[in-house]
N, C-alpha and C. Protein backbone atom coordinates (compact mmCIF):
# COMPACT_ATOMS: atom_id res chain seq x y z
N UNK A 1 46.09 61.92 -186.09
CA UNK A 1 46.03 63.22 -186.15
C UNK A 1 46.69 64.02 -185.25
N UNK A 2 47.58 65.19 -185.91
CA UNK A 2 48.03 66.21 -184.76
C UNK A 2 47.72 67.43 -184.68
N UNK A 3 47.70 67.53 -182.90
CA UNK A 3 47.41 68.35 -182.35
C UNK A 3 47.68 70.27 -183.14
N UNK A 4 46.65 70.98 -182.78
CA UNK A 4 47.68 72.54 -183.68
C UNK A 4 48.30 72.96 -182.71
N UNK A 5 49.10 73.43 -182.72
CA UNK A 5 50.54 74.42 -182.33
C UNK A 5 51.38 73.05 -182.11
N UNK A 6 51.29 71.81 -182.35
CA UNK A 6 52.39 70.91 -181.97
C UNK A 6 53.36 71.18 -183.21
N UNK A 7 54.63 71.02 -182.55
CA UNK A 7 55.69 70.70 -184.15
C UNK A 7 56.39 69.20 -184.02
N UNK A 8 57.04 69.18 -184.88
CA UNK A 8 57.77 67.80 -184.55
C UNK A 8 59.13 68.39 -185.68
N UNK A 9 60.06 67.31 -184.92
CA UNK A 9 61.26 67.56 -185.75
C UNK A 9 62.87 66.99 -185.95
N UNK A 10 63.01 66.46 -186.55
CA UNK A 10 64.72 65.11 -186.11
C UNK A 10 65.72 66.01 -186.03
N UNK A 11 66.70 65.69 -185.30
CA UNK A 11 67.43 66.47 -185.13
C UNK A 11 69.04 64.67 -185.23
N UNK A 12 69.99 65.16 -185.09
CA UNK A 12 70.93 63.94 -185.91
C UNK A 12 70.71 62.72 -185.05
N UNK A 13 71.05 61.60 -185.66
CA UNK A 13 70.41 60.01 -184.90
C UNK A 13 69.45 59.94 -185.04
N UNK A 14 68.59 60.53 -185.93
CA UNK A 14 67.36 60.42 -186.33
C UNK A 14 65.98 60.32 -185.21
N UNK A 15 66.97 61.24 -184.13
CA UNK A 15 65.56 61.20 -183.00
C UNK A 15 64.95 62.24 -183.31
N UNK A 16 63.40 61.91 -182.86
CA UNK A 16 62.18 62.56 -183.21
C UNK A 16 62.06 64.13 -181.98
N UNK A 17 61.84 65.10 -182.20
CA UNK A 17 61.90 66.14 -180.66
C UNK A 17 60.03 66.78 -180.96
N UNK A 18 59.57 66.17 -180.28
CA UNK A 18 58.41 67.26 -180.44
C UNK A 18 57.88 68.96 -179.78
N UNK A 19 57.81 70.08 -180.12
CA UNK A 19 58.10 70.76 -179.75
C UNK A 19 56.81 71.90 -179.58
N UNK A 20 56.35 72.55 -178.74
CA UNK A 20 54.78 72.36 -178.51
C UNK A 20 54.47 74.12 -178.74
N UNK A 21 54.83 74.68 -180.37
CA UNK A 21 55.41 76.22 -180.48
C UNK A 21 53.77 77.19 -179.28
N UNK A 22 53.02 77.05 -178.62
CA UNK A 22 52.39 77.62 -177.67
C UNK A 22 53.15 77.91 -176.33
N UNK A 23 54.35 77.18 -176.53
CA UNK A 23 54.67 77.23 -174.52
C UNK A 23 56.75 77.98 -175.56
N UNK A 24 56.60 78.80 -176.99
CA UNK A 24 57.66 79.24 -177.23
C UNK A 24 57.66 80.90 -176.94
N UNK A 25 58.54 81.32 -176.80
CA UNK A 25 58.48 82.89 -176.26
C UNK A 25 58.15 83.33 -177.86
N UNK A 26 56.92 84.86 -177.51
CA UNK A 26 56.44 85.57 -179.29
C UNK A 26 57.68 86.56 -179.55
N UNK A 27 58.28 87.09 -180.86
CA UNK A 27 58.38 87.41 -180.83
C UNK A 27 57.94 88.61 -181.10
N UNK A 28 58.53 89.62 -180.83
CA UNK A 28 57.49 90.95 -180.66
C UNK A 28 58.35 91.88 -181.23
N UNK A 29 57.66 93.39 -182.50
CA UNK A 29 58.76 94.17 -183.24
C UNK A 29 58.81 94.53 -181.60
N UNK A 30 59.95 95.12 -182.72
CA UNK A 30 60.78 96.80 -181.09
C UNK A 30 60.19 97.75 -181.83
N UNK A 31 59.94 98.51 -182.78
CA UNK A 31 59.63 99.37 -182.36
C UNK A 31 57.84 99.46 -181.73
N UNK A 32 57.00 98.70 -182.92
CA UNK A 32 55.84 99.20 -181.91
C UNK A 32 54.79 97.89 -181.46
N UNK A 33 55.66 96.51 -180.70
CA UNK A 33 55.26 95.71 -179.81
C UNK A 33 54.18 94.65 -180.82
N UNK A 34 54.02 95.00 -182.17
CA UNK A 34 53.41 93.96 -182.55
C UNK A 34 53.69 92.55 -183.07
N UNK A 35 52.91 91.65 -182.59
CA UNK A 35 53.92 89.88 -182.60
C UNK A 35 52.95 89.60 -184.40
N UNK A 36 53.05 90.23 -185.17
CA UNK A 36 52.29 89.64 -186.29
C UNK A 36 53.93 89.62 -187.61
N UNK A 37 53.58 89.36 -188.52
CA UNK A 37 54.44 89.90 -189.27
C UNK A 37 54.56 89.38 -190.20
N UNK A 38 54.59 89.87 -191.38
CA UNK A 38 54.34 89.45 -192.74
C UNK A 38 55.26 88.70 -193.94
N UNK A 39 55.16 87.57 -194.78
CA UNK A 39 56.12 86.98 -195.14
C UNK A 39 56.37 87.81 -196.53
N UNK A 40 57.79 88.56 -197.18
CA UNK A 40 57.94 88.91 -198.45
C UNK A 40 58.66 88.46 -199.24
N UNK A 41 59.02 89.29 -200.01
CA UNK A 41 60.74 88.33 -201.00
C UNK A 41 61.15 90.06 -201.41
N UNK A 42 62.54 89.72 -201.12
CA UNK A 42 63.31 90.78 -201.70
C UNK A 42 63.54 89.32 -203.02
N UNK A 43 63.83 89.92 -204.19
CA UNK A 43 64.09 89.74 -205.34
C UNK A 43 65.48 89.65 -205.92
N UNK A 44 66.16 88.67 -205.66
CA UNK A 44 67.74 88.67 -206.37
C UNK A 44 68.12 88.78 -207.69
N UNK A 45 68.78 88.89 -208.27
CA UNK A 45 69.18 88.38 -209.52
C UNK A 45 70.52 88.00 -210.21
N UNK A 46 71.05 86.87 -210.43
CA UNK A 46 72.23 85.81 -210.63
C UNK A 46 72.29 86.02 -211.78
N UNK A 47 73.80 86.50 -212.14
CA UNK A 47 73.97 86.37 -213.32
C UNK A 47 74.06 85.26 -214.29
N UNK A 48 74.33 85.21 -215.66
CA UNK A 48 74.72 83.72 -216.50
C UNK A 48 76.04 83.23 -216.00
N UNK A 49 77.21 84.45 -215.36
CA UNK A 49 78.27 83.66 -214.62
C UNK A 49 78.43 83.18 -213.20
N UNK A 50 77.33 83.47 -212.29
CA UNK A 50 76.84 82.97 -211.31
C UNK A 50 76.19 81.96 -210.82
N UNK A 51 74.98 82.00 -211.66
CA UNK A 51 74.37 80.59 -211.92
C UNK A 51 74.62 79.70 -212.63
N UNK A 52 73.98 78.68 -211.49
CA UNK A 52 74.54 77.20 -211.55
C UNK A 52 73.95 76.90 -213.35
N UNK A 53 72.88 77.29 -213.87
CA UNK A 53 72.63 76.97 -215.00
C UNK A 53 73.16 77.57 -216.46
N UNK A 54 73.67 78.72 -215.90
CA UNK A 54 74.39 79.14 -216.98
C UNK A 54 73.11 80.47 -217.72
N UNK A 55 72.53 80.39 -217.06
CA UNK A 55 71.07 81.62 -217.52
C UNK A 55 71.37 82.41 -216.51
N UNK A 56 70.90 84.15 -216.99
CA UNK A 56 70.44 84.80 -215.65
C UNK A 56 69.26 84.97 -214.88
N UNK A 57 69.25 84.41 -213.59
CA UNK A 57 68.18 84.38 -212.71
C UNK A 57 67.75 84.79 -211.74
N UNK A 58 66.54 84.56 -211.37
CA UNK A 58 65.99 85.55 -209.92
C UNK A 58 65.60 85.11 -208.73
N UNK A 59 66.16 85.05 -207.99
CA UNK A 59 66.10 84.58 -206.67
C UNK A 59 65.73 85.12 -205.68
N UNK A 60 64.02 84.31 -205.30
CA UNK A 60 63.48 84.88 -203.75
C UNK A 60 64.18 84.93 -202.90
N UNK A 61 64.13 85.91 -202.01
CA UNK A 61 65.11 85.67 -200.54
C UNK A 61 63.78 85.88 -199.87
N UNK A 62 62.79 85.02 -198.92
CA UNK A 62 62.41 85.65 -197.66
C UNK A 62 62.56 86.76 -196.88
N UNK A 63 61.68 87.32 -196.45
CA UNK A 63 61.93 88.63 -195.46
C UNK A 63 60.76 88.56 -194.66
N UNK A 64 60.53 89.08 -193.30
CA UNK A 64 59.59 89.24 -193.15
C UNK A 64 59.24 90.94 -192.04
N UNK A 65 58.19 91.08 -192.61
CA UNK A 65 58.09 92.65 -192.36
C UNK A 65 56.82 92.83 -191.24
N UNK A 66 56.84 93.61 -189.89
CA UNK A 66 55.68 93.91 -189.10
C UNK A 66 54.67 93.79 -189.88
N UNK A 67 53.94 93.59 -189.06
CA UNK A 67 52.82 93.70 -190.16
C UNK A 67 51.84 94.75 -190.21
N UNK A 68 51.97 95.73 -188.80
CA UNK A 68 51.77 97.14 -188.08
C UNK A 68 52.38 97.92 -188.66
N UNK A 69 53.66 98.24 -189.07
CA UNK A 69 54.40 99.44 -188.59
C UNK A 69 55.74 99.16 -190.40
N UNK A 70 56.00 97.45 -190.41
CA UNK A 70 56.32 97.24 -191.63
C UNK A 70 58.25 97.50 -191.23
N UNK A 71 58.35 97.25 -190.17
CA UNK A 71 60.05 96.94 -189.80
C UNK A 71 60.46 95.92 -190.31
N UNK A 72 61.41 95.63 -191.07
CA UNK A 72 61.99 94.14 -191.08
C UNK A 72 62.44 93.56 -189.71
N UNK A 73 62.28 92.55 -189.55
CA UNK A 73 62.27 91.40 -188.60
C UNK A 73 63.55 91.32 -188.45
N UNK A 74 64.65 91.75 -187.15
CA UNK A 74 65.86 91.46 -187.03
C UNK A 74 66.37 92.84 -187.42
N UNK A 75 65.49 94.00 -187.61
CA UNK A 75 66.59 95.64 -188.02
C UNK A 75 66.07 96.06 -186.30
N UNK A 76 66.68 96.66 -186.11
CA UNK A 76 66.56 97.61 -185.26
C UNK A 76 65.49 98.82 -185.52
N UNK A 77 65.13 100.10 -184.85
CA UNK A 77 64.16 100.82 -185.00
C UNK A 77 65.37 102.29 -185.38
N UNK A 78 65.36 102.70 -186.29
CA UNK A 78 66.36 103.73 -186.50
C UNK A 78 66.48 105.19 -185.26
N UNK A 79 67.03 105.35 -184.47
CA UNK A 79 66.75 106.70 -183.72
C UNK A 79 66.01 108.04 -184.09
N UNK A 80 65.05 108.01 -183.70
CA UNK A 80 64.87 109.41 -184.08
C UNK A 80 63.51 109.28 -184.93
N UNK A 81 63.39 108.07 -185.37
CA UNK A 81 62.54 107.63 -186.66
C UNK A 81 61.11 107.64 -186.08
N UNK A 82 60.33 108.61 -185.68
CA UNK A 82 58.81 108.97 -184.75
C UNK A 82 57.94 107.99 -185.93
N UNK A 83 57.85 108.23 -187.05
CA UNK A 83 56.71 108.35 -188.21
C UNK A 83 56.62 106.93 -188.65
N UNK A 84 57.34 105.74 -188.15
CA UNK A 84 57.16 104.96 -188.28
C UNK A 84 57.34 104.20 -189.75
N UNK A 85 58.13 104.87 -190.51
CA UNK A 85 58.54 104.96 -192.16
C UNK A 85 59.95 104.15 -192.06
N UNK A 86 59.74 102.80 -193.15
CA UNK A 86 60.97 102.19 -192.86
C UNK A 86 62.17 102.70 -194.39
N UNK A 87 63.53 103.37 -194.21
CA UNK A 87 64.04 103.88 -194.99
C UNK A 87 64.11 102.11 -196.38
N UNK A 88 64.11 102.22 -197.72
CA UNK A 88 64.30 101.49 -198.29
C UNK A 88 65.73 101.66 -198.78
N UNK A 89 66.25 99.85 -198.46
CA UNK A 89 67.87 100.17 -198.79
C UNK A 89 68.37 99.34 -200.04
């Protein structure tokens, strides 16, 4: 039985590595300080020329948004934007 909070992975050479996620630093939102993020998806459309199947396809791209203020993970808050609104790009 695996203990909660322990992860594992493989590195080159097949050696197992155990990582205790409880000992890793917590990422927080640079705007509001919340440590909680929601996984959402941007949908990208591939034309038949770009698609390996030769047919138009929709490709979901995961993004993480702060659950408190909506700032996308990795994006710095804009200066002067004190309302917490996230511009749509």
